């Protein structure tokens, strides 16, 4: 998860660990929501492609 936060939002792990625990939890939860939304979009796009055949 930290890798995704670093790659997508340019927050280095060292900076993440210096944040208060509440902010760490917020960022982790936000990243989970972002990844879940992306997965839903990917699944929807794949379903659309399959429906075209």
PDB file of N, CA and C in Angstrom:
ATOM      1  N   UNK A   1       0.825  -1.188   0.000  1.00  0.00           N
ATOM      2  CA  UNK A   1       0.000   0.000   0.000  1.00  0.00           C
ATOM      3  C   UNK A   1       0.874   1.260   0.000  1.00  0.00           C
ATOM      4  N   UNK A   2       1.946   1.239   0.775  1.00  0.00           N
ATOM      5  CA  UNK A   2       2.820   2.415   0.795  1.00  0.00           C
ATOM      6  C   UNK A   2       3.440   2.668  -0.569  1.00  0.00           C
ATOM      7  N   UNK A   3       3.706   1.598  -1.287  1.00  0.00           N
ATOM      8  CA  UNK A   3       4.270   1.767  -2.629  1.00  0.00           C
ATOM      9  C   UNK A   3       3.285   2.531  -3.517  1.00  0.00           C
ATOM     10  N   UNK A   4       2.020   2.177  -3.448  1.00  0.00           N
ATOM     11  CA  UNK A   4       1.005   2.863  -4.252  1.00  0.00           C
ATOM     12  C   UNK A   4       0.901   4.335  -3.853  1.00  0.00           C
ATOM     13  N   UNK A   5       0.962   4.613  -2.567  1.00  0.00           N
ATOM     14  CA  UNK A   5       0.902   6.010  -2.110  1.00  0.00           C
ATOM     15  C   UNK A   5       2.111   6.780  -2.628  1.00  0.00           C
ATOM     16  N   UNK A   6       3.267   6.144  -2.611  1.00  0.00           N
ATOM     17  CA  UNK A   6       4.480   6.800  -3.096  1.00  0.00           C
ATOM     18  C   UNK A   6       4.401   7.053  -4.600  1.00  0.00           C
ATOM     19  N   UNK A   7       4.039   6.028  -5.363  1.00  0.00           N
ATOM     20  CA  UNK A   7       4.021   6.141  -6.819  1.00  0.00           C
ATOM     21  C   UNK A   7       2.934   7.107  -7.289  1.00  0.00           C
ATOM     22  N   UNK A   8       1.751   7.015  -6.715  1.00  0.00           N
ATOM     23  CA  UNK A   8       0.624   7.813  -7.195  1.00  0.00           C
ATOM     24  C   UNK A   8       0.583   9.224  -6.627  1.00  0.00           C
ATOM     25  N   UNK A   9       1.057   9.386  -5.393  1.00  0.00           N
ATOM     26  CA  UNK A   9       0.889  10.674  -4.720  1.00  0.00           C
ATOM     27  C   UNK A   9       2.201  11.291  -4.249  1.00  0.00           C
ATOM     28  N   UNK A  10       3.297  10.636  -4.575  1.00  0.00           N
ATOM     29  CA  UNK A  10       4.638  11.161  -4.293  1.00  0.00           C
ATOM     30  C   UNK A  10       4.879  11.428  -2.806  1.00  0.00           C
ATOM     31  N   UNK A  11       4.292  10.585  -1.970  1.00  0.00           N
ATOM     32  CA  UNK A  11       4.537  10.677  -0.530  1.00  0.00           C
ATOM     33  C   UNK A  11       5.484   9.548  -0.159  1.00  0.00           C
ATOM     34  N   UNK A  12       6.691   9.917   0.187  1.00  0.00           N
ATOM     35  CA  UNK A  12       7.703   8.913   0.506  1.00  0.00           C
ATOM     36  C   UNK A  12       7.369   8.211   1.816  1.00  0.00           C
ATOM     37  N   UNK A  13       7.752   6.936   1.922  1.00  0.00           N
ATOM     38  CA  UNK A  13       7.441   6.184   3.138  1.00  0.00           C
ATOM     39  C   UNK A  13       7.954   6.855   4.413  1.00  0.00           C
ATOM     40  N   UNK A  14       9.134   7.462   4.362  1.00  0.00           N
ATOM     41  CA  UNK A  14       9.661   8.144   5.544  1.00  0.00           C
ATOM     42  C   UNK A  14       8.753   9.275   5.991  1.00  0.00           C
ATOM     43  N   UNK A  15       8.226  10.020   5.023  1.00  0.00           N
ATOM     44  CA  UNK A  15       7.301  11.108   5.349  1.00  0.00           C
ATOM     45  C   UNK A  15       5.992  10.545   5.900  1.00  0.00           C
ATOM     46  N   UNK A  16       5.558   9.427   5.331  1.00  0.00           N
ATOM     47  CA  UNK A  16       4.336   8.783   5.815  1.00  0.00           C
ATOM     48  C   UNK A  16       4.475   8.414   7.287  1.00  0.00           C
ATOM     49  N   UNK A  17       5.602   7.798   7.651  1.00  0.00           N
ATOM     50  CA  UNK A  17       5.783   7.333   9.027  1.00  0.00           C
ATOM     51  C   UNK A  17       5.965   8.481  10.008  1.00  0.00           C
ATOM     52  N   UNK A  18       6.293   9.661   9.528  1.00  0.00           N
ATOM     53  CA  UNK A  18       6.417  10.819  10.414  1.00  0.00           C
ATOM     54  C   UNK A  18       5.070  11.474  10.707  1.00  0.00           C
ATOM     55  N   UNK A  19       4.053  11.116   9.954  1.00  0.00           N
ATOM     56  CA  UNK A  19       2.721  11.689  10.167  1.00  0.00           C
ATOM     57  C   UNK A  19       2.096  11.123  11.440  1.00  0.00           C
ATOM     58  N   UNK A  20       1.170  11.875  12.030  1.00  0.00           N
ATOM     59  CA  UNK A  20       0.419  11.328  13.167  1.00  0.00           C
ATOM     60  C   UNK A  20      -0.366  10.087  12.728  1.00  0.00           C
ATOM     61  N   UNK A  21      -0.613   9.190  13.654  1.00  0.00           N
ATOM     62  CA  UNK A  21      -1.266   7.916  13.345  1.00  0.00           C
ATOM     63  C   UNK A  21      -2.617   8.119  12.648  1.00  0.00           C
ATOM     64  N   UNK A  22      -3.372   9.101  13.069  1.00  0.00           N
ATOM     65  CA  UNK A  22      -4.668   9.357  12.444  1.00  0.00           C
ATOM     66  C   UNK A  22      -4.535   9.705  10.969  1.00  0.00           C
ATOM     67  N   UNK A  23      -3.535  10.487  10.624  1.00  0.00           N
ATOM     68  CA  UNK A  23      -3.310  10.842   9.220  1.00  0.00           C
ATOM     69  C   UNK A  23      -2.833   9.634   8.423  1.00  0.00           C
ATOM     70  N   UNK A  24      -2.019   8.796   9.040  1.00  0.00           N
ATOM     71  CA  UNK A  24      -1.587   7.567   8.366  1.00  0.00           C
ATOM     72  C   UNK A  24      -2.797   6.701   8.031  1.00  0.00           C
ATOM     73  N   UNK A  25      -3.673   6.531   9.013  1.00  0.00           N
ATOM     74  CA  UNK A  25      -4.861   5.704   8.796  1.00  0.00           C
ATOM     75  C   UNK A  25      -5.763   6.302   7.726  1.00  0.00           C
ATOM     76  N   UNK A  26      -5.896   7.621   7.738  1.00  0.00           N
ATOM     77  CA  UNK A  26      -6.707   8.293   6.725  1.00  0.00           C
ATOM     78  C   UNK A  26      -6.134   8.053   5.328  1.00  0.00           C
ATOM     79  N   UNK A  27      -4.830   8.199   5.178  1.00  0.00           N
ATOM     80  CA  UNK A  27      -4.207   7.997   3.873  1.00  0.00           C
ATOM     81  C   UNK A  27      -4.346   6.549   3.404  1.00  0.00           C
ATOM     82  N   UNK A  28      -4.178   5.608   4.316  1.00  0.00           N
ATOM     83  CA  UNK A  28      -4.334   4.202   3.947  1.00  0.00           C
ATOM     84  C   UNK A  28      -5.768   3.901   3.520  1.00  0.00           C
ATOM     85  N   UNK A  29      -6.731   4.415   4.264  1.00  0.00           N
ATOM     86  CA  UNK A  29      -8.137   4.190   3.918  1.00  0.00           C
ATOM     87  C   UNK A  29      -8.474   4.857   2.584  1.00  0.00           C
ATOM     88  N   UNK A  30      -7.955   6.049   2.366  1.00  0.00           N
ATOM     89  CA  UNK A  30      -8.200   6.750   1.104  1.00  0.00           C
ATOM     90  C   UNK A  30      -7.609   5.984  -0.072  1.00  0.00           C
ATOM     91  N   UNK A  31      -6.426   5.428   0.129  1.00  0.00           N
ATOM     92  CA  UNK A  31      -5.786   4.659  -0.936  1.00  0.00           C
ATOM     93  C   UNK A  31      -6.588   3.398  -1.227  1.00  0.00           C
ATOM     94  N   UNK A  32      -7.119   2.762  -0.191  1.00  0.00           N
ATOM     95  CA  UNK A  32      -7.967   1.585  -0.398  1.00  0.00           C
ATOM     96  C   UNK A  32      -9.190   1.944  -1.233  1.00  0.00           C
ATOM     97  N   UNK A  33      -9.819   3.070  -0.926  1.00  0.00           N
ATOM     98  CA  UNK A  33     -10.986   3.513  -1.697  1.00  0.00           C
ATOM     99  C   UNK A  33     -10.607   3.793  -3.149  1.00  0.00           C
ATOM    100  N   UNK A  34      -9.470   4.436  -3.343  1.00  0.00           N
ATOM    101  CA  UNK A  34      -9.012   4.758  -4.695  1.00  0.00           C
ATOM    102  C   UNK A  34      -8.763   3.484  -5.507  1.00  0.00           C
ATOM    103  N   UNK A  35      -8.090   2.517  -4.898  1.00  0.00           N
ATOM    104  CA  UNK A  35      -7.800   1.265  -5.598  1.00  0.00           C
ATOM    105  C   UNK A  35      -9.078   0.471  -5.880  1.00  0.00           C
ATOM    106  N   UNK A  36     -10.011   0.486  -4.939  1.00  0.00           N
ATOM    107  CA  UNK A  36     -11.277  -0.224  -5.141  1.00  0.00           C
ATOM    108  C   UNK A  36     -12.077   0.411  -6.277  1.00  0.00           C
ATOM    109  N   UNK A  37     -12.100   1.733  -6.326  1.00  0.00           N
ATOM    110  CA  UNK A  37     -12.816   2.426  -7.399  1.00  0.00           C
ATOM    111  C   UNK A  37     -12.175   2.115  -8.752  1.00  0.00           C
ATOM    112  N   UNK A  38     -10.864   2.087  -8.779  1.00  0.00           N
ATOM    113  CA  UNK A  38     -10.162   1.758 -10.023  1.00  0.00           C
ATOM    114  C   UNK A  38     -10.469   0.330 -10.457  1.00  0.00           C
ATOM    115  N   UNK A  39     -10.522  -0.580  -9.507  1.00  0.00           N
ATOM    116  CA  UNK A  39     -10.835  -1.978  -9.829  1.00  0.00           C
ATOM    117  C   UNK A  39     -12.250  -2.095 -10.392  1.00  0.00           C
ATOM    118  N   UNK A  40     -13.194  -1.345  -9.817  1.00  0.00           N
ATOM    119  CA  UNK A  40     -14.571  -1.376 -10.330  1.00  0.00           C
ATOM    120  C   UNK A  40     -14.625  -0.843 -11.756  1.00  0.00           C
ATOM    121  N   UNK A  41     -13.894   0.227 -12.030  1.00  0.00           N
ATOM    122  CA  UNK A  41     -13.871   0.783 -13.382  1.00  0.00           C
ATOM    123  C   UNK A  41     -13.259  -0.205 -14.371  1.00  0.00           C
ATOM    124  N   UNK A  42     -12.222  -0.872 -13.947  1.00  0.00           N
ATOM    125  CA  UNK A  42     -11.572  -1.866 -14.804  1.00  0.00           C
ATOM    126  C   UNK A  42     -12.527  -3.015 -15.103  1.00  0.00           C
ATOM    127  N   UNK A  43     -13.219  -3.481 -14.075  1.00  0.00           N
ATOM    128  CA  UNK A  43     -14.182  -4.568 -14.275  1.00  0.00           C
ATOM    129  C   UNK A  43     -15.314  -4.124 -15.189  1.00  0.00           C
ATOM    130  N   UNK A  44     -15.781  -2.905 -15.011  1.00  0.00           N
ATOM    131  CA  UNK A  44     -16.863  -2.395 -15.852  1.00  0.00           C
ATOM    132  C   UNK A  44     -16.397  -2.284 -17.304  1.00  0.00           C
ATOM    133  N   UNK A  45     -15.177  -1.831 -17.502  1.00  0.00           N
ATOM    134  CA  UNK A  45     -14.644  -1.708 -18.860  1.00  0.00           C
ATOM    135  C   UNK A  45     -14.485  -3.077 -19.501  1.00  0.00           C
ATOM    136  N   UNK A  46     -14.065  -4.047 -18.736  1.00  0.00           N
ATOM    137  CA  UNK A  46     -13.922  -5.397 -19.275  1.00  0.00           C
ATOM    138  C   UNK A  46     -15.287  -5.983 -19.609  1.00  0.00           C
ATOM    139  N   UNK A  47     -16.275  -5.689 -18.802  1.00  0.00           N
ATOM    140  CA  UNK A  47     -17.631  -6.154 -19.084  1.00  0.00           C
ATOM    141  C   UNK A  47     -18.177  -5.518 -20.343  1.00  0.00           C
ATOM    142  N   UNK A  48     -17.859  -4.254 -20.561  1.00  0.00           N
ATOM    143  CA  UNK A  48     -18.299  -3.551 -21.759  1.00  0.00           C
ATOM    144  C   UNK A  48     -17.639  -4.152 -22.991  1.00  0.00           C
ATOM    145  N   UNK A  49     -16.363  -4.461 -22.895  1.00  0.00           N
ATOM    146  CA  UNK A  49     -15.650  -5.052 -24.027  1.00  0.00           C
ATOM    147  C   UNK A  49     -16.226  -6.422 -24.367  1.00  0.00           C
ATOM    148  N   UNK A  50     -16.556  -7.202 -23.348  1.00  0.00           N
ATOM    149  CA  UNK A  50     -17.099  -8.534 -23.587  1.00  0.00           C
ATOM    150  C   UNK A  50     -18.488  -8.443 -24.206  1.00  0.00           C
ATOM    151  N   UNK A  51     -19.248  -7.422 -23.856  1.00  0.00           N
ATOM    152  CA  UNK A  51     -20.590  -7.258 -24.386  1.00  0.00           C
ATOM    153  C   UNK A  51     -20.614  -6.867 -25.851  1.00  0.00           C
ATOM    154  N   UNK A  52     -19.523  -6.339 -26.366  1.00  0.00           N
ATOM    155  CA  UNK A  52     -19.464  -5.890 -27.759  1.00  0.00           C
ATOM    156  C   UNK A  52     -19.314  -7.044 -28.737  1.00  0.00           C
ATOM    157  N   UNK A  53     -18.876  -8.176 -28.280  1.00  0.00           N
ATOM    158  CA  UNK A  53     -18.602  -9.293 -29.191  1.00  0.00           C
ATOM    159  C   UNK A  53     -19.837  -9.889 -29.752  1.00  0.00           C
TER     160      UNK A  53
END
